[in-house]
PDB file of N, CA and C in Angstrom:
ATOM      1  N   MET A   1      67.529 105.526  38.198  1.00  0.00           N
ATOM      2  CA  MET A   1      66.943 106.823  37.889  1.00  0.00           C
ATOM      3  C   MET A   1      65.421 106.763  38.083  1.00  0.00           C
ATOM      4  N   PRO A   2      64.863 107.805  38.634  1.00  0.00           N
ATOM      5  CA  PRO A   2      63.406 107.840  38.772  1.00  0.00           C
ATOM      6  C   PRO A   2      62.730 107.905  37.404  1.00  0.00           C
ATOM      7  N   ALA A   3      61.565 107.311  37.319  1.00  0.00           N
ATOM      8  CA  ALA A   3      60.814 107.341  36.058  1.00  0.00           C
ATOM      9  C   ALA A   3      60.480 108.779  35.712  1.00  0.00           C
ATOM     10  N   GLY A   4      60.546 109.101  34.434  1.00  0.00           N
ATOM     11  CA  GLY A   4      60.203 110.441  33.980  1.00  0.00           C
ATOM     12  C   GLY A   4      61.364 111.418  33.994  1.00  0.00           C
ATOM     13  N   THR A   5      62.540 110.978  34.422  1.00  0.00           N
ATOM     14  CA  THR A   5      63.700 111.866  34.422  1.00  0.00           C
ATOM     15  C   THR A   5      64.110 112.121  32.977  1.00  0.00           C
ATOM     16  N   LEU A   6      64.253 113.396  32.638  1.00  0.00           N
ATOM     17  CA  LEU A   6      64.557 113.770  31.262  1.00  0.00           C
ATOM     18  C   LEU A   6      65.983 113.366  30.873  1.00  0.00           C
ATOM     19  N   TYR A   7      66.952 113.649  31.748  1.00  0.00           N
ATOM     20  CA  TYR A   7      68.344 113.363  31.430  1.00  0.00           C
ATOM     21  C   TYR A   7      68.782 112.114  32.169  1.00  0.00           C
ATOM     22  N   ARG A   8      69.193 111.143  31.417  1.00  0.00           N
ATOM     23  CA  ARG A   8      69.576 109.876  32.013  1.00  0.00           C
ATOM     24  C   ARG A   8      71.061 109.568  31.818  1.00  0.00           C
ATOM     25  N   GLY A   9      71.827 110.549  31.360  1.00  0.00           N
ATOM     26  CA  GLY A   9      73.256 110.331  31.199  1.00  0.00           C
ATOM     27  C   GLY A   9      73.625 109.447  30.034  1.00  0.00           C
ATOM     28  N   ARG A  10      72.751 109.331  29.058  1.00  0.00           N
ATOM     29  CA  ARG A  10      73.009 108.475  27.904  1.00  0.00           C
ATOM     30  C   ARG A  10      73.690 109.282  26.803  1.00  0.00           C
ATOM     31  N   GLU A  11      73.905 108.655  25.663  1.00  0.00           N
ATOM     32  CA  GLU A  11      74.634 109.279  24.558  1.00  0.00           C
ATOM     33  C   GLU A  11      73.968 110.563  24.082  1.00  0.00           C
ATOM     34  N   GLY A  12      72.649 110.553  24.006  1.00  0.00           N
ATOM     35  CA  GLY A  12      71.951 111.751  23.534  1.00  0.00           C
ATOM     36  C   GLY A  12      72.205 112.958  24.408  1.00  0.00           C
ATOM     37  N   MET A  13      72.222 112.753  25.734  1.00  0.00           N
ATOM     38  CA  MET A  13      72.485 113.863  26.639  1.00  0.00           C
ATOM     39  C   MET A  13      73.914 114.375  26.469  1.00  0.00           C
ATOM     40  N   TRP A  14      74.869 113.458  26.372  1.00  0.00           N
ATOM     41  CA  TRP A  14      76.263 113.884  26.252  1.00  0.00           C
ATOM     42  C   TRP A  14      76.541 114.552  24.914  1.00  0.00           C
ATOM     43  N   SER A  15      75.876 114.119  23.860  1.00  0.00           N
ATOM     44  CA  SER A  15      76.053 114.809  22.577  1.00  0.00           C
ATOM     45  C   SER A  15      75.441 116.193  22.650  1.00  0.00           C
ATOM     46  N   TRP A  16      74.331 116.335  23.380  1.00  0.00           N
ATOM     47  CA  TRP A  16      73.693 117.640  23.582  1.00  0.00           C
ATOM     48  C   TRP A  16      74.645 118.569  24.327  1.00  0.00           C
ATOM     49  N   VAL A  17      75.251 118.062  25.404  1.00  0.00           N
ATOM     50  CA  VAL A  17      76.195 118.864  26.187  1.00  0.00           C
ATOM     51  C   VAL A  17      77.400 119.245  25.329  1.00  0.00           C
ATOM     52  N   ALA A  18      77.972 118.280  24.611  1.00  0.00           N
ATOM     53  CA  ALA A  18      79.153 118.561  23.780  1.00  0.00           C
ATOM     54  C   ALA A  18      78.823 119.563  22.686  1.00  0.00           C
ATOM     55  N   HIS A  19      77.623 119.490  22.130  1.00  0.00           N
ATOM     56  CA  HIS A  19      77.228 120.436  21.082  1.00  0.00           C
ATOM     57  C   HIS A  19      77.171 121.851  21.647  1.00  0.00           C
ATOM     58  N   ARG A  20      76.623 122.003  22.851  1.00  0.00           N
ATOM     59  CA  ARG A  20      76.534 123.335  23.465  1.00  0.00           C
ATOM     60  C   ARG A  20      77.905 123.853  23.855  1.00  0.00           C
ATOM     61  N   VAL A  21      78.736 122.992  24.431  1.00  0.00           N
ATOM     62  CA  VAL A  21      80.075 123.418  24.851  1.00  0.00           C
ATOM     63  C   VAL A  21      80.911 123.826  23.643  1.00  0.00           C
ATOM     64  N   THR A  22      80.893 123.027  22.583  1.00  0.00           N
ATOM     65  CA  THR A  22      81.671 123.395  21.398  1.00  0.00           C
ATOM     66  C   THR A  22      81.137 124.675  20.775  1.00  0.00           C
ATOM     67  N   GLY A  23      79.830 124.868  20.801  1.00  0.00           N
ATOM     68  CA  GLY A  23      79.261 126.110  20.269  1.00  0.00           C
ATOM     69  C   GLY A  23      79.733 127.328  21.040  1.00  0.00           C
ATOM     70  N   VAL A  24      79.778 127.232  22.369  1.00  0.00           N
ATOM     71  CA  VAL A  24      80.249 128.347  23.196  1.00  0.00           C
ATOM     72  C   VAL A  24      81.735 128.599  22.955  1.00  0.00           C
ATOM     73  N   LEU A  25      82.529 127.539  22.865  1.00  0.00           N
ATOM     74  CA  LEU A  25      83.957 127.712  22.601  1.00  0.00           C
ATOM     75  C   LEU A  25      84.205 128.383  21.251  1.00  0.00           C
ATOM     76  N   ILE A  26      83.459 127.988  20.249  1.00  0.00           N
ATOM     77  CA  ILE A  26      83.603 128.597  18.921  1.00  0.00           C
ATOM     78  C   ILE A  26      83.200 130.064  18.980  1.00  0.00           C
ATOM     79  N   PHE A  27      82.136 130.374  19.717  1.00  0.00           N
ATOM     80  CA  PHE A  27      81.711 131.766  19.870  1.00  0.00           C
ATOM     81  C   PHE A  27      82.821 132.602  20.502  1.00  0.00           C
ATOM     82  N   PHE A  28      83.437 132.100  21.579  1.00  0.00           N
ATOM     83  CA  PHE A  28      84.506 132.866  22.238  1.00  0.00           C
ATOM     84  C   PHE A  28      85.707 133.037  21.319  1.00  0.00           C
ATOM     85  N   PHE A  29      86.034 132.013  20.531  1.00  0.00           N
ATOM     86  CA  PHE A  29      87.115 132.178  19.566  1.00  0.00           C
ATOM     87  C   PHE A  29      86.791 133.289  18.587  1.00  0.00           C
ATOM     88  N   LEU A  30      85.576 133.282  18.048  1.00  0.00           N
ATOM     89  CA  LEU A  30      85.203 134.320  17.086  1.00  0.00           C
ATOM     90  C   LEU A  30      85.246 135.708  17.719  1.00  0.00           C
ATOM     91  N   PHE A  31      84.827 135.802  18.977  1.00  0.00           N
ATOM     92  CA  PHE A  31      84.869 137.082  19.683  1.00  0.00           C
ATOM     93  C   PHE A  31      86.309 137.585  19.807  1.00  0.00           C
ATOM     94  N   VAL A  32      87.224 136.723  20.246  1.00  0.00           N
ATOM     95  CA  VAL A  32      88.635 137.095  20.377  1.00  0.00           C
ATOM     96  C   VAL A  32      89.228 137.405  19.010  1.00  0.00           C
ATOM     97  N   HIS A  33      88.845 136.640  18.001  1.00  0.00           N
ATOM     98  CA  HIS A  33      89.360 136.864  16.654  1.00  0.00           C
ATOM     99  C   HIS A  33      88.951 138.241  16.128  1.00  0.00           C
ATOM    100  N   VAL A  34      87.716 138.631  16.362  1.00  0.00           N
ATOM    101  CA  VAL A  34      87.270 139.958  15.936  1.00  0.00           C
ATOM    102  C   VAL A  34      88.052 141.037  16.681  1.00  0.00           C
ATOM    103  N   LEU A  35      88.265 140.836  17.988  1.00  0.00           N
ATOM    104  CA  LEU A  35      89.017 141.833  18.764  1.00  0.00           C
ATOM    105  C   LEU A  35      90.462 141.956  18.298  1.00  0.00           C
ATOM    106  N   ASP A  36      91.133 140.826  18.092  1.00  0.00           N
ATOM    107  CA  ASP A  36      92.539 140.930  17.687  1.00  0.00           C
ATOM    108  C   ASP A  36      92.683 141.441  16.262  1.00  0.00           C
ATOM    109  N   THR A  37      91.712 141.152  15.416  1.00  0.00           N
ATOM    110  CA  THR A  37      91.761 141.700  14.055  1.00  0.00           C
ATOM    111  C   THR A  37      91.506 143.210  14.072  1.00  0.00           C
ATOM    112  N   ALA A  38      90.624 143.659  14.960  1.00  0.00           N
ATOM    113  CA  ALA A  38      90.352 145.097  15.080  1.00  0.00           C
ATOM    114  C   ALA A  38      91.567 145.842  15.620  1.00  0.00           C
ATOM    115  N   LEU A  39      92.445 145.147  16.315  1.00  0.00           N
ATOM    116  CA  LEU A  39      93.638 145.775  16.877  1.00  0.00           C
ATOM    117  C   LEU A  39      94.548 146.352  15.800  1.00  0.00           C
ATOM    118  N   VAL A  40      94.504 145.827  14.598  1.00  0.00           N
ATOM    119  CA  VAL A  40      95.352 146.324  13.513  1.00  0.00           C
ATOM    120  C   VAL A  40      95.045 147.792  13.201  1.00  0.00           C
ATOM    121  N   ARG A  41      93.799 148.210  13.399  1.00  0.00           N
ATOM    122  CA  ARG A  41      93.420 149.614  13.150  1.00  0.00           C
ATOM    123  C   ARG A  41      93.881 150.524  14.280  1.00  0.00           C
ATOM    124  N   VAL A  42      93.980 149.973  15.478  1.00  0.00           N
ATOM    125  CA  VAL A  42      94.345 150.780  16.646  1.00  0.00           C
ATOM    126  C   VAL A  42      95.855 150.916  16.764  1.00  0.00           C
ATOM    127  N   SER A  43      96.545 149.783  16.685  1.00  0.00           N
ATOM    128  CA  SER A  43      97.998 149.789  16.846  1.00  0.00           C
ATOM    129  C   SER A  43      98.603 148.640  16.041  1.00  0.00           C
ATOM    130  N   PRO A  44      99.094 148.922  14.855  1.00  0.00           N
ATOM    131  CA  PRO A  44      99.682 147.858  14.030  1.00  0.00           C
ATOM    132  C   PRO A  44     100.840 147.122  14.723  1.00  0.00           C
ATOM    133  N   GLU A  45     101.615 147.834  15.554  1.00  0.00           N
ATOM    134  CA  GLU A  45     102.725 147.185  16.255  1.00  0.00           C
ATOM    135  C   GLU A  45     102.204 146.159  17.263  1.00  0.00           C
ATOM    136  N   ASP A  46     101.173 146.542  18.017  1.00  0.00           N
ATOM    137  CA  ASP A  46     100.594 145.602  18.968  1.00  0.00           C
ATOM    138  C   ASP A  46      99.946 144.421  18.243  1.00  0.00           C
ATOM    139  N   TYR A  47      99.336 144.691  17.112  1.00  0.00           N
ATOM    140  CA  TYR A  47      98.756 143.609  16.316  1.00  0.00           C
ATOM    141  C   TYR A  47      99.836 142.619  15.906  1.00  0.00           C
ATOM    142  N   ASP A  48     100.985 143.128  15.442  1.00  0.00           N
ATOM    143  CA  ASP A  48     102.094 142.253  15.055  1.00  0.00           C
ATOM    144  C   ASP A  48     102.577 141.424  16.244  1.00  0.00           C
ATOM    145  N   ASN A  49     102.625 142.030  17.434  1.00  0.00           N
ATOM    146  CA  ASN A  49     103.044 141.293  18.635  1.00  0.00           C
ATOM    147  C   ASN A  49     102.053 140.183  18.977  1.00  0.00           C
ATOM    148  N   VAL A  50     100.768 140.478  18.858  1.00  0.00           N
ATOM    149  CA  VAL A  50      99.745 139.466  19.138  1.00  0.00           C
ATOM    150  C   VAL A  50      99.854 138.327  18.138  1.00  0.00           C
ATOM    151  N   VAL A  51     100.002 138.651  16.872  1.00  0.00           N
ATOM    152  CA  VAL A  51     100.119 137.616  15.844  1.00  0.00           C
ATOM    153  C   VAL A  51     101.381 136.776  16.074  1.00  0.00           C
ATOM    154  N   ALA A  52     102.451 137.387  16.560  1.00  0.00           N
ATOM    155  CA  ALA A  52     103.672 136.630  16.849  1.00  0.00           C
ATOM    156  C   ALA A  52     103.427 135.594  17.945  1.00  0.00           C
ATOM    157  N   THR A  53     102.590 135.926  18.916  1.00  0.00           N
ATOM    158  CA  THR A  53     102.299 134.947  19.979  1.00  0.00           C
ATOM    159  C   THR A  53     101.502 133.775  19.440  1.00  0.00           C
ATOM    160  N   TYR A  54     100.802 133.970  18.338  1.00  0.00           N
ATOM    161  CA  TYR A  54     100.006 132.891  17.751  1.00  0.00           C
ATOM    162  C   TYR A  54     100.869 131.834  17.083  1.00  0.00           C
ATOM    163  N   LYS A  55     102.144 132.090  16.919  1.00  0.00           N
ATOM    164  CA  LYS A  55     103.026 131.145  16.236  1.00  0.00           C
ATOM    165  C   LYS A  55     103.764 130.246  17.228  1.00  0.00           C
ATOM    166  N   THR A  56     103.240 130.140  18.447  1.00  0.00           N
ATOM    167  CA  THR A  56     103.869 129.307  19.473  1.00  0.00           C
ATOM    168  C   THR A  56     103.244 127.913  19.465  1.00  0.00           C
ATOM    169  N   PRO A  57     103.987 126.929  19.988  1.00  0.00           N
ATOM    170  CA  PRO A  57     103.434 125.562  20.066  1.00  0.00           C
ATOM    171  C   PRO A  57     102.163 125.479  20.918  1.00  0.00           C
ATOM    172  N   LEU A  58     102.076 126.274  21.977  1.00  0.00           N
ATOM    173  CA  LEU A  58     100.876 126.252  22.811  1.00  0.00           C
ATOM    174  C   LEU A  58      99.649 126.670  22.003  1.00  0.00           C
ATOM    175  N   VAL A  59      99.783 127.712  21.227  1.00  0.00           N
ATOM    176  CA  VAL A  59      98.662 128.174  20.413  1.00  0.00           C
ATOM    177  C   VAL A  59      98.350 127.170  19.314  1.00  0.00           C
ATOM    178  N   ALA A  60      99.365 126.464  18.820  1.00  0.00           N
ATOM    179  CA  ALA A  60      99.109 125.412  17.824  1.00  0.00           C
ATOM    180  C   ALA A  60      98.213 124.330  18.427  1.00  0.00           C
ATOM    181  N   CYS A  61      98.459 123.992  19.671  1.00  0.00           N
ATOM    182  CA  CYS A  61      97.587 123.007  20.345  1.00  0.00           C
ATOM    183  C   CYS A  61      96.174 123.554  20.512  1.00  0.00           C
ATOM    184  N   LEU A  62      96.070 124.840  20.824  1.00  0.00           N
ATOM    185  CA  LEU A  62      94.747 125.463  20.925  1.00  0.00           C
ATOM    186  C   LEU A  62      94.048 125.482  19.566  1.00  0.00           C
ATOM    187  N   GLU A  63      94.820 125.696  18.501  1.00  0.00           N
ATOM    188  CA  GLU A  63      94.252 125.636  17.151  1.00  0.00           C
ATOM    189  C   GLU A  63      93.704 124.240  16.854  1.00  0.00           C
ATOM    190  N   TYR A  64      94.434 123.231  17.286  1.00  0.00           N
ATOM    191  CA  TYR A  64      93.973 121.854  17.092  1.00  0.00           C
ATOM    192  C   TYR A  64      92.672 121.632  17.856  1.00  0.00           C
ATOM    193  N   GLY A  65      92.596 122.173  19.061  1.00  0.00           N
ATOM    194  CA  GLY A  65      91.358 122.110  19.828  1.00  0.00           C
ATOM    195  C   GLY A  65      90.221 122.824  19.140  1.00  0.00           C
ATOM    196  N   LEU A  66      90.529 123.961  18.514  1.00  0.00           N
ATOM    197  CA  LEU A  66      89.511 124.707  17.768  1.00  0.00           C
ATOM    198  C   LEU A  66      89.008 123.885  16.583  1.00  0.00           C
ATOM    199  N   VAL A  67      89.937 123.250  15.868  1.00  0.00           N
ATOM    200  CA  VAL A  67      89.535 122.390  14.752  1.00  0.00           C
ATOM    201  C   VAL A  67      88.655 121.251  15.264  1.00  0.00           C
ATOM    202  N   ALA A  68      89.033 120.680  16.407  1.00  0.00           N
ATOM    203  CA  ALA A  68      88.237 119.597  16.990  1.00  0.00           C
ATOM    204  C   ALA A  68      86.829 120.076  17.332  1.00  0.00           C
ATOM    205  N   ALA A  69      86.737 121.260  17.934  1.00  0.00           N
ATOM    206  CA  ALA A  69      85.428 121.786  18.331  1.00  0.00           C
ATOM    207  C   ALA A  69      84.558 122.083  17.109  1.00  0.00           C
ATOM    208  N   ILE A  70      85.135 122.732  16.108  1.00  0.00           N
ATOM    209  CA  ILE A  70      84.364 123.082  14.909  1.00  0.00           C
ATOM    210  C   ILE A  70      83.915 121.818  14.181  1.00  0.00           C
ATOM    211  N   LEU A  71      84.813 120.862  14.053  1.00  0.00           N
ATOM    212  CA  LEU A  71      84.485 119.634  13.331  1.00  0.00           C
ATOM    213  C   LEU A  71      83.401 118.838  14.054  1.00  0.00           C
ATOM    214  N   PHE A  72      83.529 118.687  15.378  1.00  0.00           N
ATOM    215  CA  PHE A  72      82.499 117.961  16.107  1.00  0.00           C
ATOM    216  C   PHE A  72      81.169 118.696  16.039  1.00  0.00           C
ATOM    217  N   HIS A  73      81.204 120.011  16.210  1.00  0.00           N
ATOM    218  CA  HIS A  73      79.973 120.801  16.183  1.00  0.00           C
ATOM    219  C   HIS A  73      79.273 120.664  14.827  1.00  0.00           C
ATOM    220  N   ALA A  74      80.045 120.686  13.755  1.00  0.00           N
ATOM    221  CA  ALA A  74      79.463 120.569  12.418  1.00  0.00           C
ATOM    222  C   ALA A  74      78.884 119.174  12.178  1.00  0.00           C
ATOM    223  N   LEU A  75      79.655 118.147  12.501  1.00  0.00           N
ATOM    224  CA  LEU A  75      79.176 116.781  12.276  1.00  0.00           C
ATOM    225  C   LEU A  75      77.968 116.460  13.155  1.00  0.00           C
ATOM    226  N   ASN A  76      78.020 116.873  14.417  1.00  0.00           N
ATOM    227  CA  ASN A  76      76.894 116.624  15.303  1.00  0.00           C
ATOM    228  C   ASN A  76      75.680 117.441  14.874  1.00  0.00           C
ATOM    229  N   GLY A  77      75.914 118.628  14.338  1.00  0.00           N
ATOM    230  CA  GLY A  77      74.803 119.427  13.816  1.00  0.00           C
ATOM    231  C   GLY A  77      74.092 118.722  12.678  1.00  0.00           C
ATOM    232  N   LEU A  78      74.850 118.067  11.806  1.00  0.00           N
ATOM    233  CA  LEU A  78      74.233 117.286  10.733  1.00  0.00           C
ATOM    234  C   LEU A  78      73.420 116.123  11.308  1.00  0.00           C
ATOM    235  N   ARG A  79      73.937 115.523  12.374  1.00  0.00           N
ATOM    236  CA  ARG A  79      73.202 114.440  13.036  1.00  0.00           C
ATOM    237  C   ARG A  79      71.900 114.970  13.634  1.00  0.00           C
ATOM    238  N   VAL A  80      71.962 116.130  14.261  1.00  0.00           N
ATOM    239  CA  VAL A  80      70.755 116.732  14.843  1.00  0.00           C
ATOM    240  C   VAL A  80      69.722 117.020  13.754  1.00  0.00           C
ATOM    241  N   ILE A  81      70.185 117.515  12.619  1.00  0.00           N
ATOM    242  CA  ILE A  81      69.275 117.763  11.495  1.00  0.00           C
ATOM    243  C   ILE A  81      68.625 116.459  11.054  1.00  0.00           C
ATOM    244  N   ALA A  82      69.421 115.385  10.957  1.00  0.00           N
ATOM    245  CA  ALA A  82      68.868 114.088  10.556  1.00  0.00           C
ATOM    246  C   ALA A  82      67.849 113.583  11.581  1.00  0.00           C
ATOM    247  N   VAL A  83      68.134 113.748  12.861  1.00  0.00           N
ATOM    248  CA  VAL A  83      67.191 113.312  13.896  1.00  0.00           C
ATOM    249  C   VAL A  83      65.902 114.112  13.804  1.00  0.00           C
ATOM    250  N   ASP A  84      66.012 115.405  13.543  1.00  0.00           N
ATOM    251  CA  ASP A  84      64.833 116.270  13.509  1.00  0.00           C
ATOM    252  C   ASP A  84      63.980 116.101  12.252  1.00  0.00           C
ATOM    253  N   PHE A  85      64.627 115.879  11.104  1.00  0.00           N
ATOM    254  CA  PHE A  85      63.881 115.928   9.849  1.00  0.00           C
ATOM    255  C   PHE A  85      63.713 114.583   9.146  1.00  0.00           C
ATOM    256  N   TRP A  86      64.357 113.545   9.626  1.00  0.00           N
ATOM    257  CA  TRP A  86      64.209 112.219   9.035  1.00  0.00           C
ATOM    258  C   TRP A  86      63.259 111.441   9.929  1.00  0.00           C
ATOM    259  N   SER A  87      62.259 110.850   9.346  1.00  0.00           N
ATOM    260  CA  SER A  87      61.239 110.168  10.156  1.00  0.00           C
ATOM    261  C   SER A  87      61.827 109.052  11.021  1.00  0.00           C
ATOM    262  N   LYS A  88      62.893 108.412  10.564  1.00  0.00           N
ATOM    263  CA  LYS A  88      63.522 107.354  11.349  1.00  0.00           C
ATOM    264  C   LYS A  88      64.704 107.862  12.170  1.00  0.00           C
ATOM    265  N   GLY A  89      64.952 109.174  12.140  1.00  0.00           N
ATOM    266  CA  GLY A  89      66.091 109.757  12.843  1.00  0.00           C
ATOM    267  C   GLY A  89      66.147 109.449  14.320  1.00  0.00           C
ATOM    268  N   PRO A  90      65.050 109.636  15.070  1.00  0.00           N
ATOM    269  CA  PRO A  90      65.117 109.336  16.515  1.00  0.00           C
ATOM    270  C   PRO A  90      65.451 107.878  16.812  1.00  0.00           C
ATOM    271  N   ARG A  91      65.016 106.978  15.952  1.00  0.00           N
ATOM    272  CA  ARG A  91      65.281 105.555  16.161  1.00  0.00           C
ATOM    273  C   ARG A  91      66.771 105.237  16.004  1.00  0.00           C
ATOM    274  N   TYR A  92      67.439 105.970  15.117  1.00  0.00           N
ATOM    275  CA  TYR A  92      68.840 105.688  14.822  1.00  0.00           C
ATOM    276  C   TYR A  92      69.799 106.733  15.376  1.00  0.00           C
ATOM    277  N   GLN A  93      69.343 107.579  16.305  1.00  0.00           N
ATOM    278  CA  GLN A  93      70.194 108.664  16.770  1.00  0.00           C
ATOM    279  C   GLN A  93      71.456 108.152  17.465  1.00  0.00           C
ATOM    280  N   LYS A  94      71.358 107.043  18.189  1.00  0.00           N
ATOM    281  CA  LYS A  94      72.526 106.496  18.878  1.00  0.00           C
ATOM    282  C   LYS A  94      73.572 106.012  17.867  1.00  0.00           C
ATOM    283  N   GLN A  95      73.139 105.296  16.852  1.00  0.00           N
ATOM    284  CA  GLN A  95      74.074 104.816  15.826  1.00  0.00           C
ATOM    285  C   GLN A  95      74.684 105.991  15.056  1.00  0.00           C
ATOM    286  N   MET A  96      73.850 107.002  14.799  1.00  0.00           N
ATOM    287  CA  MET A  96      74.376 108.173  14.088  1.00  0.00           C
ATOM    288  C   MET A  96      75.405 108.904  14.938  1.00  0.00           C
ATOM    289  N   LEU A  97      75.200 108.961  16.255  1.00  0.00           N
ATOM    290  CA  LEU A  97      76.179 109.615  17.127  1.00  0.00           C
ATOM    291  C   LEU A  97      77.513 108.882  17.065  1.00  0.00           C
ATOM    292  N   TRP A  98      77.493 107.552  17.150  1.00  0.00           N
ATOM    293  CA  TRP A  98      78.745 106.806  17.100  1.00  0.00           C
ATOM    294  C   TRP A  98      79.406 106.914  15.728  1.00  0.00           C
ATOM    295  N   THR A  99      78.613 107.063  14.679  1.00  0.00           N
ATOM    296  CA  THR A  99      79.172 107.319  13.346  1.00  0.00           C
ATOM    297  C   THR A  99      79.856 108.676  13.320  1.00  0.00           C
ATOM    298  N   VAL A 100      79.198 109.681  13.900  1.00  0.00           N
ATOM    299  CA  VAL A 100      79.791 111.023  13.988  1.00  0.00           C
ATOM    300  C   VAL A 100      81.105 110.964  14.748  1.00  0.00           C
ATOM    301  N   VAL A 101      81.123 110.276  15.873  1.00  0.00           N
ATOM    302  CA  VAL A 101      82.349 110.178  16.667  1.00  0.00           C
ATOM    303  C   VAL A 101      83.447 109.471  15.871  1.00  0.00           C
ATOM    304  N   GLY A 102      83.110 108.405  15.163  1.00  0.00           N
ATOM    305  CA  GLY A 102      84.096 107.695  14.353  1.00  0.00           C
ATOM    306  C   GLY A 102      84.671 108.557  13.245  1.00  0.00           C
ATOM    307  N   VAL A 103      83.803 109.244  12.520  1.00  0.00           N
ATOM    308  CA  VAL A 103      84.261 110.138  11.445  1.00  0.00           C
ATOM    309  C   VAL A 103      85.110 111.257  12.035  1.00  0.00           C
ATOM    310  N   TRP A 104      84.679 111.797  13.178  1.00  0.00           N
ATOM    311  CA  TRP A 104      85.411 112.874  13.849  1.00  0.00           C
ATOM    312  C   TRP A 104      86.822 112.416  14.227  1.00  0.00           C
ATOM    313  N   VAL A 105      86.946 111.229  14.802  1.00  0.00           N
ATOM    314  CA  VAL A 105      88.260 110.710  15.199  1.00  0.00           C
ATOM    315  C   VAL A 105      89.162 110.546  13.980  1.00  0.00           C
ATOM    316  N   VAL A 106      88.634 109.966  12.910  1.00  0.00           N
ATOM    317  CA  VAL A 106      89.440 109.771  11.697  1.00  0.00           C
ATOM    318  C   VAL A 106      89.909 111.115  11.133  1.00  0.00           C
ATOM    319  N   LEU A 107      89.001 112.084  11.065  1.00  0.00           N
ATOM    320  CA  LEU A 107      89.381 113.395  10.530  1.00  0.00           C
ATOM    321  C   LEU A 107      90.354 114.135  11.446  1.00  0.00           C
ATOM    322  N   MET A 108      90.197 113.969  12.759  1.00  0.00           N
ATOM    323  CA  MET A 108      91.131 114.616  13.689  1.00  0.00           C
ATOM    324  C   MET A 108      92.519 113.986  13.596  1.00  0.00           C
ATOM    325  N   LEU A 109      92.573 112.687  13.380  1.00  0.00           N
ATOM    326  CA  LEU A 109      93.879 112.052  13.167  1.00  0.00           C
ATOM    327  C   LEU A 109      94.528 112.607  11.902  1.00  0.00           C
ATOM    328  N   GLY A 110      93.718 112.815  10.861  1.00  0.00           N
ATOM    329  CA  GLY A 110      94.232 113.385   9.620  1.00  0.00           C
ATOM    330  C   GLY A 110      94.638 114.843   9.756  1.00  0.00           C
ATOM    331  N   ALA A 111      94.131 115.529  10.765  1.00  0.00           N
ATOM    332  CA  ALA A 111      94.442 116.950  10.952  1.00  0.00           C
ATOM    333  C   ALA A 111      95.680 117.176  11.811  1.00  0.00           C
ATOM    334  N   ILE A 112      96.232 116.114  12.387  1.00  0.00           N
ATOM    335  CA  ILE A 112      97.376 116.300  13.287  1.00  0.00           C
ATOM    336  C   ILE A 112      98.535 117.001  12.587  1.00  0.00           C
ATOM    337  N   TYR A 113      98.984 116.458  11.476  1.00  0.00           N
ATOM    338  CA  TYR A 113     100.151 117.055  10.815  1.00  0.00           C
ATOM    339  C   TYR A 113      99.860 118.446  10.246  1.00  0.00           C
ATOM    340  N   PRO A 114      98.755 118.641   9.508  1.00  0.00           N
ATOM    341  CA  PRO A 114      98.526 119.978   8.969  1.00  0.00           C
ATOM    342  C   PRO A 114      98.397 121.057  10.044  1.00  0.00           C
ATOM    343  N   VAL A 115      97.801 120.727  11.173  1.00  0.00           N
ATOM    344  CA  VAL A 115      97.582 121.744  12.199  1.00  0.00           C
ATOM    345  C   VAL A 115      98.771 121.854  13.147  1.00  0.00           C
ATOM    346  N   LEU A 116      99.350 120.734  13.537  1.00  0.00           N
ATOM    347  CA  LEU A 116     100.421 120.754  14.534  1.00  0.00           C
ATOM    348  C   LEU A 116     101.823 120.627  13.942  1.00  0.00           C
ATOM    349  N   GLY A 117     101.938 120.468  12.640  1.00  0.00           N
ATOM    350  CA  GLY A 117     103.241 120.268  12.017  1.00  0.00           C
ATOM    351  C   GLY A 117     104.207 121.410  12.251  1.00  0.00           C
ATOM    352  N   HIS A 118     103.738 122.648  12.156  1.00  0.00           N
ATOM    353  CA  HIS A 118     104.650 123.783  12.345  1.00  0.00           C
ATOM    354  C   HIS A 118     105.106 123.881  13.797  1.00  0.00           C
ATOM    355  N   ALA A 119     104.273 123.490  14.746  1.00  0.00           N
ATOM    356  CA  ALA A 119     104.675 123.504  16.152  1.00  0.00           C
ATOM    357  C   ALA A 119     105.743 122.449  16.401  1.00  0.00           C
ATOM    358  N   TYR A 120     105.583 121.278  15.802  1.00  0.00           N
ATOM    359  CA  TYR A 120     106.575 120.214  15.935  1.00  0.00           C
ATOM    360  C   TYR A 120     107.921 120.667  15.369  1.00  0.00           C
ATOM    361  N   ARG A 121     107.880 121.297  14.188  1.00  0.00           N
ATOM    362  CA  ARG A 121     109.113 121.773  13.570  1.00  0.00           C
ATOM    363  C   ARG A 121     109.771 122.845  14.428  1.00  0.00           C
ATOM    364  N   GLU A 122     108.970 123.690  15.050  1.00  0.00           N
ATOM    365  CA  GLU A 122     109.547 124.738  15.903  1.00  0.00           C
ATOM    366  C   GLU A 122     110.160 124.148  17.165  1.00  0.00           C
ATOM    367  N   LEU A 123     109.501 123.161  17.749  1.00  0.00           N
ATOM    368  CA  LEU A 123     110.008 122.550  18.980  1.00  0.00           C
ATOM    369  C   LEU A 123     111.269 121.709  18.740  1.00  0.00           C
ATOM    370  N   PHE A 124     111.255 120.933  17.669  1.00  0.00           N
ATOM    371  CA  PHE A 124     112.319 119.964  17.451  1.00  0.00           C
ATOM    372  C   PHE A 124     113.239 120.319  16.280  1.00  0.00           C
ATOM    373  N   GLY A 125     112.995 121.432  15.622  1.00  0.00           N
ATOM    374  CA  GLY A 125     113.879 121.914  14.569  1.00  0.00           C
ATOM    375  C   GLY A 125     113.976 121.038  13.343  1.00  0.00           C
ATOM    376  N   SER A 126     112.984 120.248  13.077  1.00  0.00           N
ATOM    377  CA  SER A 126     113.031 119.359  11.904  1.00  0.00           C
ATOM    378  C   SER A 126     112.414 120.030  10.724  1.00  0.00           C
TER     379      SER A 126
END
């Protein structure tokens, strides 16, 4: 890489990218959520049909993705706050990122059954 290049493909850059991507995904979810909730005032029957589609295994996987995005965005946001407001934050930002990733993985493993359990039961009838 040439000297002075701002982005070097290191952990800080990728956490920056992931933070922005998860933020945009969460925004689009909220936008769709407001629209589908507003549908109840326009046509309660159509609202019921939309809500019925949300009970599919595919949407359960999307819900798991939403939980992943929100959780990573929140944990990484706390890391960004620590980097910005703690005098030693920039020195330890790499270690804090790997801590965030570790905590995120553990919590996502714990979220598998609560989020995907109903989809599993629907697919396999258990």
